[in-house]
Amino acid sequence: MITKKYIEHLQDDEQSYSQFGNLIHQTLKHFHEDTSLDEARLLRCLSEEFTHPTLEKTNPYSYVDSRLFQKAQLMLKDYLQTPLTGETILKLEERFDGYLVNGVPIVAVIDKITKVNETTIRITDYKTGMAYFPTQRDLEDDIQLSLYDLIASEWYPWATRVLLTLHFFNGDIMQTERRLHQREAFLQYLDAIYHKMMTETSFSPQMNEFCHACSFRTDCPLYQRILAEDSVSATQSLVEIKETKRGFSIKPIALHFPEDLPRVSHALAEIKQKRKILEKAETELQNVLISHMEIEHISVLDADQYIVTSSQKRYENLDPQQVFSLFQAQGLDSHFFSTVNMVKHKLEDIFQALKSEGKIADVESIQKQLRVDVKVNYSEPILTVEKKKISIEDHIQQLVVSPQNAEVKIPAKRGRPKKILEITT
């Protein structure tokens, strides 16, 4: 199957945002190794990590383009405005690979642990994506945070309070904590799960919130059954669905509460998971169509009763590493750290300004190099699928199949009386 990541100009979003998250994490790790909370130093850490990666991988930031690099600069500047940056650092990107007090083996990496006061520590987990924005109730049941709480209690037994903080770079800072009875209950939960993992011999698929992203969904019988399910079955027969001229009419059946409350609640929970699965299927089908249209060099596709259109926004910018080299060659490294916009014409303006200040003599050669290094990128394709709008004549032709002297009603147009046509076949 051809997918968008193999097509020229289309990036692999999963790779790019994964690498983007790694870049933010590594930058903050190096930044917090020093107590100076200076913006210029933070941006310098970002540039140094990007141009000279410390991650032990080949080309760890190859999918991070200038758009994401600019986003990283802006997010890190905002990060300095948060009140959490002044706490004493205890650990950064610390790995736990061992056994909890109940003997369950765990591997985890904690982004940051800070000391708030003599009895309190804080665990901070950075969230750079946009796919997960929990409620406060979700935090109370979050398994990852509960694991971090257990690990911290082993590392710092003197801490009577462990604050669990999610730092959303695209949103708010959320916080929760675990009481002693919650910690003990979670240990029992881990015991039960681990025992089941070690003793279970048959694993039947269970629908949950991660089904749409599961790597094994193609071979999962439950996933395939959901894709093939009709609308009535998908809603557990709790609604009546009828097709009309304007789409679908959806009406709940007669329900009686509180008797039907468990049934409705269960159906809503399942529909939520099924919607994620269908949305994932929609995305995969869109990618197949986009790939086909890209290979055929077409933007509009005539598909029987439908018109499929793919549109993208074209923009030019530069590889941040190339731009850094240009600044470095002129001995202007510090200017690079404060440069936010990597769009070509904006950089040309910056170099012109530096020339007027007497800091650069040969702007022409730099502009020539910018033209060589310019990179053409495209936004994520937007795919639209619309039903064809057929003419009255075609509509009549579709209706005339076998009956003679068929009477066809023509939809009334505004300002005109309704007409009845007599059609003889």
Protein backbone atom coordinates (compact mmCIF):
# COMPACT_ATOMS: atom_id res chain seq x y z
CA MET A 1 0.00 0.00 0.00
CA ILE A 2 1.32 3.42 -0.94
CA THR A 3 0.99 5.96 1.83
CA LYS A 4 1.68 9.68 1.96
CA LYS A 5 5.07 9.38 3.68
CA TYR A 6 6.58 7.94 0.49
CA ILE A 7 5.34 10.78 -1.70
CA GLU A 8 7.53 13.77 -2.48
CA HIS A 9 6.72 16.95 -0.51
CA LEU A 10 4.57 15.05 2.00
CA GLN A 11 6.05 14.51 5.43
CA ASP A 12 5.48 11.65 7.84
CA ASP A 13 3.57 13.50 10.56
CA GLU A 14 4.06 10.78 13.18
CA GLN A 15 7.85 10.95 12.68
CA SER A 16 8.06 14.73 12.56
CA TYR A 17 6.03 15.30 15.74
CA SER A 18 7.83 12.50 17.56
CA GLN A 19 11.18 14.09 16.68
CA PHE A 20 9.79 17.52 17.57
CA GLY A 21 8.89 16.23 21.04
CA ASN A 22 12.37 14.73 21.46
CA LEU A 23 13.94 18.06 20.47
CA ILE A 24 11.93 19.93 23.13
CA HIS A 25 12.74 17.34 25.80
CA GLN A 26 16.48 17.29 25.09
CA THR A 27 16.65 21.09 24.91
CA LEU A 28 15.02 21.45 28.34
CA LYS A 29 17.27 18.77 29.78
CA HIS A 30 20.40 20.72 28.77
CA PHE A 31 18.84 24.04 29.76
CA HIS A 32 18.04 22.91 33.31
CA GLU A 33 21.53 21.52 33.86
CA ASP A 34 22.42 25.15 34.68
CA THR A 35 20.58 27.38 37.14
CA SER A 36 20.56 30.41 34.80
CA LEU A 37 17.02 30.85 33.39
CA ASP A 38 17.99 33.11 30.51
CA GLU A 39 15.98 33.21 27.25
CA ALA A 40 19.06 33.59 25.04
CA ARG A 41 20.66 30.54 26.67
CA LEU A 42 17.46 28.52 26.23
CA LEU A 43 17.34 29.33 22.50
CA ARG A 44 21.05 28.55 22.28
CA CYS A 45 20.39 25.13 23.85
CA LEU A 46 17.70 24.54 21.22
CA SER A 47 20.02 25.49 18.35
CA GLU A 48 22.91 23.44 19.70
CA GLU A 49 20.73 20.38 20.23
CA PHE A 50 19.30 20.74 16.74
CA THR A 51 22.65 21.27 14.98
CA HIS A 52 24.67 18.89 17.19
CA PRO A 53 22.19 16.27 18.52
CA THR A 54 22.96 14.49 21.79
CA LEU A 55 20.44 11.72 21.12
CA GLU A 56 22.19 8.48 20.16
CA LYS A 57 20.33 8.11 16.88
CA THR A 58 21.13 8.73 13.23
CA ASN A 59 19.64 12.04 12.08
CA PRO A 60 17.27 12.30 15.09
CA TYR A 61 15.71 15.55 13.82
CA SER A 62 15.62 14.89 10.07
CA TYR A 63 11.83 15.43 9.95
CA VAL A 64 11.89 18.71 11.91
CA ASP A 65 11.49 21.41 9.27
CA SER A 66 11.77 25.17 9.72
CA ARG A 67 8.06 25.43 10.56
CA LEU A 68 8.49 23.08 13.54
CA PHE A 69 11.79 24.69 14.54
CA GLN A 70 10.06 28.06 14.67
CA LYS A 71 7.26 26.51 16.72
CA ALA A 72 9.85 25.10 19.14
CA GLN A 73 11.37 28.57 19.62
CA LEU A 74 8.01 30.14 20.41
CA MET A 75 6.96 27.31 22.77
CA LEU A 76 10.22 27.49 24.70
CA LYS A 77 9.92 31.27 25.08
CA ASP A 78 6.47 30.75 26.58
CA TYR A 79 7.88 28.04 28.83
CA LEU A 80 10.08 30.58 30.61
CA GLN A 81 6.97 32.52 31.65
CA THR A 82 5.61 29.61 33.73
CA PRO A 83 6.04 29.71 37.52
CA LEU A 84 7.49 26.17 37.73
CA THR A 85 10.90 26.99 36.25
CA GLY A 86 12.37 28.34 39.51
CA GLU A 87 12.18 25.12 41.55
CA THR A 88 15.30 23.13 42.52
CA ILE A 89 16.12 20.43 39.95
CA LEU A 90 16.57 16.90 41.33
CA LYS A 91 16.50 14.76 38.17
CA LEU A 92 16.18 15.34 34.40
CA GLU A 93 15.09 12.71 31.85
CA GLU A 94 15.76 10.06 34.49
CA ARG A 95 15.23 6.40 33.56
CA PHE A 96 13.78 3.85 35.98
CA ASP A 97 14.44 0.24 35.02
CA GLY A 98 13.72 -2.09 37.90
CA TYR A 99 11.11 -3.49 40.27
CA LEU A 100 8.51 -1.69 42.34
CA VAL A 101 7.97 -2.57 46.01
CA ASN A 102 5.46 -5.25 44.98
CA GLY A 103 7.92 -6.95 42.61
CA VAL A 104 6.36 -5.74 39.34
CA PRO A 105 9.03 -4.85 36.73
CA ILE A 106 8.70 -1.34 35.28
CA VAL A 107 10.63 0.72 32.72
CA ALA A 108 9.91 4.46 32.63
CA VAL A 109 11.57 7.81 31.88
CA ILE A 110 10.55 10.85 33.93
CA ASP A 111 11.06 14.24 32.28
CA LYS A 112 11.77 16.35 35.36
CA ILE A 113 11.70 16.06 39.16
CA THR A 114 12.01 19.20 41.25
CA LYS A 115 12.08 20.00 44.95
CA VAL A 116 9.27 22.35 45.96
CA ASN A 117 10.07 22.46 49.69
CA GLU A 118 11.46 20.22 52.44
CA THR A 119 8.53 17.80 52.27
CA THR A 120 7.26 18.16 48.69
CA ILE A 121 8.58 17.17 45.27
CA ARG A 122 7.08 17.70 41.84
CA ILE A 123 7.13 15.40 38.83
CA THR A 124 6.65 17.26 35.54
CA ASP A 125 5.72 15.47 32.34
CA TYR A 126 6.05 17.58 29.18
CA LYS A 127 3.29 17.28 26.57
CA THR A 128 4.19 18.81 23.20
CA GLY A 129 1.41 17.21 21.13
CA MET A 130 -2.18 18.29 20.58
CA ALA A 131 -3.98 14.96 20.67
CA TYR A 132 -4.41 14.60 24.44
CA PHE A 133 -6.11 17.17 26.66
CA PRO A 134 -7.51 15.35 29.72
CA THR A 135 -10.04 16.49 32.25
CA GLN A 136 -9.12 16.78 35.92
CA ARG A 137 -11.02 13.53 36.50
CA ASP A 138 -8.85 11.83 33.86
CA LEU A 139 -5.71 12.86 35.77
CA GLU A 140 -6.96 11.14 38.92
CA ASP A 141 -7.10 7.81 37.07
CA ASP A 142 -4.04 8.31 34.84
CA ILE A 143 -1.90 5.15 34.98
CA GLN A 144 1.30 6.88 33.82
CA LEU A 145 1.08 9.47 36.60
CA SER A 146 0.31 6.78 39.17
CA LEU A 147 3.46 4.92 38.10
CA TYR A 148 5.53 8.09 38.40
CA ASP A 149 4.13 8.60 41.89
CA LEU A 150 5.27 5.11 42.95
CA ILE A 151 8.74 5.58 41.46
CA ALA A 152 9.17 8.97 43.15
CA SER A 153 8.11 7.55 46.51
CA GLU A 154 10.90 4.97 46.18
CA TRP A 155 13.52 7.51 45.10
CA TYR A 156 12.55 10.12 47.70
CA PRO A 157 11.03 8.42 50.76
CA TRP A 158 11.38 11.70 52.71
CA ALA A 159 8.79 13.40 50.49
CA THR A 160 5.39 13.26 52.16
CA ARG A 161 3.78 14.87 49.12
CA VAL A 162 4.34 14.19 45.39
CA LEU A 163 2.80 16.70 42.98
CA LEU A 164 2.07 15.21 39.54
CA THR A 165 2.11 17.90 36.85
CA LEU A 166 1.34 17.76 33.13
CA HIS A 167 2.89 20.72 31.30
CA PHE A 168 1.00 21.20 28.03
CA PHE A 169 3.00 23.41 25.67
CA ASN A 170 -0.18 23.91 23.63
CA GLY A 171 -2.44 24.44 26.61
CA ASP A 172 -2.53 24.64 30.38
CA ILE A 173 -0.53 23.22 33.26
CA MET A 174 -2.56 20.58 35.11
CA GLN A 175 -1.79 19.02 38.48
CA THR A 176 -2.93 16.16 40.66
CA GLU A 177 -1.53 13.96 43.42
CA ARG A 178 -2.08 10.56 45.00
CA ARG A 179 -3.11 9.90 48.60
CA LEU A 180 -1.73 6.91 50.49
CA HIS A 181 -4.88 4.83 49.98
CA GLN A 182 -4.78 5.56 46.22
CA ARG A 183 -1.14 4.46 46.04
CA GLU A 184 -1.94 1.20 47.82
CA ALA A 185 -4.95 0.58 45.58
CA PHE A 186 -2.80 1.14 42.47
CA LEU A 187 -0.21 -1.34 43.73
CA GLN A 188 -2.97 -3.94 44.06
CA TYR A 189 -4.15 -3.08 40.54
CA LEU A 190 -0.62 -3.58 39.16
CA ASP A 191 -0.37 -6.89 41.03
CA ALA A 192 -3.60 -8.12 39.43
CA ILE A 193 -2.64 -6.94 35.92
CA TYR A 194 0.86 -8.44 36.13
CA HIS A 195 -0.51 -11.76 37.42
CA LYS A 196 -3.01 -11.87 34.57
CA MET A 197 -0.27 -11.14 32.03
CA MET A 198 1.86 -13.97 33.38
CA THR A 199 -0.91 -16.58 33.67
CA GLU A 200 -3.38 -15.79 30.89
CA THR A 201 -3.28 -18.15 27.91
CA SER A 202 -6.08 -16.71 25.78
CA PHE A 203 -6.20 -13.03 24.87
CA SER A 204 -9.45 -11.96 23.25
CA PRO A 205 -9.47 -8.41 21.81
CA GLN A 206 -11.22 -5.78 23.90
CA MET A 207 -12.25 -2.42 22.48
CA ASN A 208 -10.61 0.57 24.19
CA GLU A 209 -9.44 4.13 23.54
CA PHE A 210 -6.20 2.96 21.85
CA CYS A 211 -7.77 0.70 19.20
CA HIS A 212 -7.54 3.33 16.45
CA ALA A 213 -3.75 3.63 16.91
CA CYS A 214 -2.93 -0.05 17.51
CA SER A 215 -0.22 -1.49 15.24
CA PHE A 216 -2.10 -4.81 15.04
CA ARG A 217 -5.50 -3.41 14.06
CA THR A 218 -5.26 -4.78 10.50
CA ASP A 219 -5.27 -8.37 11.85
CA CYS A 220 -7.67 -7.75 14.74
CA PRO A 221 -11.07 -9.44 14.24
CA LEU A 222 -12.80 -6.96 16.58
CA TYR A 223 -11.42 -3.98 14.67
CA GLN A 224 -12.53 -5.48 11.34
CA ARG A 225 -15.99 -6.26 12.71
CA ILE A 226 -16.44 -2.65 13.81
CA LEU A 227 -15.44 -1.39 10.36
CA ALA A 228 -18.01 -3.67 8.75
CA GLU A 229 -20.76 -2.87 11.26
CA ASP A 230 -23.92 -1.14 10.06
CA SER A 231 -25.18 2.04 11.73
CA VAL A 232 -27.97 0.37 13.70
CA SER A 233 -25.62 -2.26 15.16
CA ALA A 234 -23.00 0.39 15.88
CA THR A 235 -25.48 2.27 18.05
CA GLN A 236 -26.74 -0.95 19.68
CA SER A 237 -30.24 -0.39 18.20
CA LEU A 238 -30.83 2.59 20.48
CA VAL A 239 -31.62 4.93 17.59
CA GLU A 240 -33.72 4.77 14.44
CA ILE A 241 -31.73 5.78 11.36
CA LYS A 242 -33.55 6.62 8.14
CA GLU A 243 -32.09 7.98 4.92
CA THR A 244 -33.82 11.08 3.60
CA LYS A 245 -33.28 13.40 0.65
CA ARG A 246 -31.25 15.71 2.87
CA GLY A 247 -29.14 13.03 4.54
CA PHE A 248 -30.00 10.89 7.53
CA SER A 249 -32.74 11.25 10.10
CA ILE A 250 -31.58 9.98 13.51
CA LYS A 251 -34.08 9.56 16.31
CA PRO A 252 -33.59 7.73 19.63
CA ILE A 253 -36.02 4.92 20.39
CA ALA A 254 -38.33 5.18 23.38
CA LEU A 255 -36.15 4.85 26.46
CA HIS A 256 -37.13 4.55 30.10
CA PHE A 257 -34.98 5.81 32.93
CA PRO A 258 -33.46 4.77 35.23
CA GLU A 259 -33.98 1.24 33.77
CA ASP A 260 -32.21 2.01 30.48
CA LEU A 261 -29.42 4.12 32.00
CA PRO A 262 -26.76 1.32 32.05
CA ARG A 263 -27.61 0.39 28.47
CA VAL A 264 -27.35 3.96 27.20
CA SER A 265 -24.13 4.66 29.13
CA HIS A 266 -22.50 1.53 27.74
CA ALA A 267 -23.60 2.41 24.20
CA LEU A 268 -22.19 5.95 24.49
CA ALA A 269 -18.83 4.65 25.70
CA GLU A 270 -18.64 2.15 22.81
CA ILE A 271 -19.74 4.70 20.20
CA LYS A 272 -16.92 7.00 21.35
CA GLN A 273 -14.33 4.26 20.75
CA LYS A 274 -15.92 3.21 17.45
CA ARG A 275 -15.84 6.80 16.24
CA LYS A 276 -12.07 6.90 16.80
CA ILE A 277 -11.68 3.67 14.84
CA LEU A 278 -13.78 4.94 11.94
CA GLU A 279 -11.94 8.28 11.94
CA LYS A 280 -8.65 6.37 11.70
CA ALA A 281 -10.05 4.31 8.82
CA GLU A 282 -11.16 7.55 7.14
CA THR A 283 -7.65 8.99 7.48
CA GLU A 284 -6.06 5.87 5.99
CA LEU A 285 -8.45 5.89 3.04
CA GLN A 286 -7.78 9.59 2.50
CA ASN A 287 -4.04 8.91 2.46
CA VAL A 288 -4.49 6.22 -0.20
CA LEU A 289 -6.49 8.64 -2.38
CA ILE A 290 -4.01 11.48 -1.82
CA SER A 291 -1.11 9.20 -2.78
CA HIS A 292 -2.90 8.06 -5.94
CA MET A 293 -3.69 11.64 -6.96
CA GLU A 294 -0.10 12.74 -6.28
CA ILE A 295 1.30 9.93 -8.43
CA GLU A 296 -1.11 10.77 -11.25
CA HIS A 297 -0.40 14.53 -10.84
CA ILE A 298 -4.07 15.39 -10.52
CA SER A 299 -5.94 17.47 -7.97
CA VAL A 300 -9.52 16.57 -9.00
CA LEU A 301 -10.81 13.03 -9.37
CA ASP A 302 -14.09 11.98 -11.02
CA ALA A 303 -15.29 8.98 -9.00
CA ASP A 304 -18.66 7.90 -10.43
CA GLN A 305 -21.19 9.75 -8.24
CA TYR A 306 -18.55 11.79 -6.41
CA ILE A 307 -15.97 14.49 -7.07
CA VAL A 308 -12.76 14.18 -5.02
CA THR A 309 -10.57 17.27 -4.65
CA SER A 310 -7.13 17.51 -3.04
CA SER A 311 -5.66 20.91 -2.20
CA GLN A 312 -2.41 21.97 -0.54
CA LYS A 313 -0.77 25.23 0.44
CA ARG A 314 2.72 25.77 -1.00
CA TYR A 315 5.29 27.70 1.01
CA GLU A 316 9.04 28.32 0.86
CA ASN A 317 11.37 28.28 3.81
CA LEU A 318 14.84 27.15 4.78
CA ASP A 319 16.58 24.36 6.60
CA PRO A 320 17.43 25.75 10.07
CA GLN A 321 20.81 23.99 9.98
CA GLN A 322 21.71 25.77 6.72
CA VAL A 323 20.62 29.11 8.16
CA PHE A 324 22.68 28.48 11.29
CA SER A 325 25.74 27.86 9.08
CA LEU A 326 25.19 31.21 7.34
CA PHE A 327 24.99 33.09 10.64
CA GLN A 328 27.98 31.17 11.98
CA ALA A 329 30.10 31.99 8.91
CA GLN A 330 29.48 35.70 9.61
CA GLY A 331 30.28 35.34 13.32
CA LEU A 332 26.67 36.17 14.21
CA ASP A 333 25.66 33.07 16.17
CA SER A 334 23.80 35.12 18.78
CA HIS A 335 21.50 36.62 16.12
CA PHE A 336 20.45 33.12 15.07
CA PHE A 337 19.25 32.31 18.58
CA SER A 338 16.77 35.19 18.49
CA THR A 339 15.64 34.59 14.89
CA VAL A 340 12.14 33.18 14.89
CA ASN A 341 10.96 33.29 11.30
CA MET A 342 12.68 30.95 8.85
CA VAL A 343 10.72 32.16 5.83
CA LYS A 344 13.11 33.19 3.04
CA HIS A 345 12.04 36.81 2.50
CA LYS A 346 12.01 37.48 6.26
CA LEU A 347 15.61 36.28 6.56
CA GLU A 348 16.61 38.49 3.65
CA ASP A 349 15.18 41.46 5.59
CA ILE A 350 17.21 40.45 8.66
CA PHE A 351 20.45 40.29 6.68
CA GLN A 352 19.72 43.66 5.06
CA ALA A 353 19.23 45.16 8.52
CA LEU A 354 22.55 43.64 9.68
CA LYS A 355 24.26 45.16 6.63
CA SER A 356 22.90 48.63 7.45
CA GLU A 357 24.33 48.18 10.97
CA GLY A 358 27.73 47.41 9.43
CA LYS A 359 27.79 43.83 10.70
CA ILE A 360 27.70 42.22 7.24
CA ALA A 361 29.51 43.43 4.12
CA ASP A 362 28.54 40.94 1.40
CA VAL A 363 24.76 40.53 1.52
CA GLU A 364 24.52 39.53 -2.14
CA SER A 365 26.44 36.27 -1.69
CA ILE A 366 24.25 35.42 1.33
CA GLN A 367 21.08 36.10 -0.65
CA LYS A 368 22.44 33.92 -3.45
CA GLN A 369 23.05 31.12 -0.95
CA LEU A 370 19.52 31.55 0.42
CA ARG A 371 18.13 31.03 -3.06
CA VAL A 372 20.15 27.81 -3.35
CA ASP A 373 19.07 26.52 0.06
CA VAL A 374 15.40 27.43 -0.24
CA LYS A 375 13.12 24.50 0.41
CA VAL A 376 9.63 24.12 -1.04
CA ASN A 377 7.17 22.54 1.38
CA TYR A 378 3.48 21.81 1.23
CA SER A 379 0.87 21.82 3.92
CA GLU A 380 -1.03 18.66 4.79
CA PRO A 381 -3.37 17.91 1.86
CA ILE A 382 -7.03 18.69 2.44
CA LEU A 383 -9.29 16.13 0.79
CA THR A 384 -12.93 16.87 0.06
CA VAL A 385 -15.43 14.34 -1.27
CA GLU A 386 -18.69 15.77 -2.60
CA LYS A 387 -21.62 14.15 -4.28
CA LYS A 388 -22.08 15.26 -7.87
CA LYS A 389 -24.78 17.79 -8.58
CA ILE A 390 -26.56 16.33 -11.59
CA SER A 391 -28.71 18.20 -14.07
CA ILE A 392 -32.50 17.85 -14.30
CA GLU A 393 -32.07 15.98 -17.59
CA ASP A 394 -29.67 13.45 -16.03
CA HIS A 395 -31.98 13.09 -13.05
CA ILE A 396 -34.90 12.27 -15.36
CA GLN A 397 -32.73 9.83 -17.32
CA GLN A 398 -31.88 7.97 -14.10
CA LEU A 399 -35.55 7.67 -13.18
CA VAL A 400 -36.69 6.43 -16.61
CA VAL A 401 -35.88 2.74 -16.57
CA SER A 402 -38.79 0.60 -17.74
CA PRO A 403 -42.28 1.94 -16.96
CA GLN A 404 -43.91 3.70 -19.89
CA ASN A 405 -45.57 7.09 -19.53
CA ALA A 406 -43.79 7.53 -16.18
CA GLU A 407 -44.77 10.64 -14.32
CA VAL A 408 -41.79 12.53 -12.91
CA LYS A 409 -42.04 15.48 -10.56
CA ILE A 410 -39.47 18.20 -11.16
CA PRO A 411 -38.31 20.02 -8.01
CA ALA A 412 -39.76 23.52 -7.94
CA LYS A 413 -37.36 26.41 -8.53
CA ARG A 414 -37.74 29.62 -6.59
CA GLY A 415 -40.24 31.93 -8.26
CA ARG A 416 -41.60 29.26 -10.60
CA PRO A 417 -44.66 27.02 -10.28
CA LYS A 418 -44.24 23.27 -9.92
CA LYS A 419 -44.35 21.32 -13.19
CA ILE A 420 -45.30 17.76 -14.03
CA LEU A 421 -43.58 16.28 -17.07
CA GLU A 422 -45.05 13.41 -19.04
CA ILE A 423 -42.24 11.17 -20.22
CA THR A 424 -42.72 8.50 -22.81
CA THR A 425 -40.09 5.78 -23.10
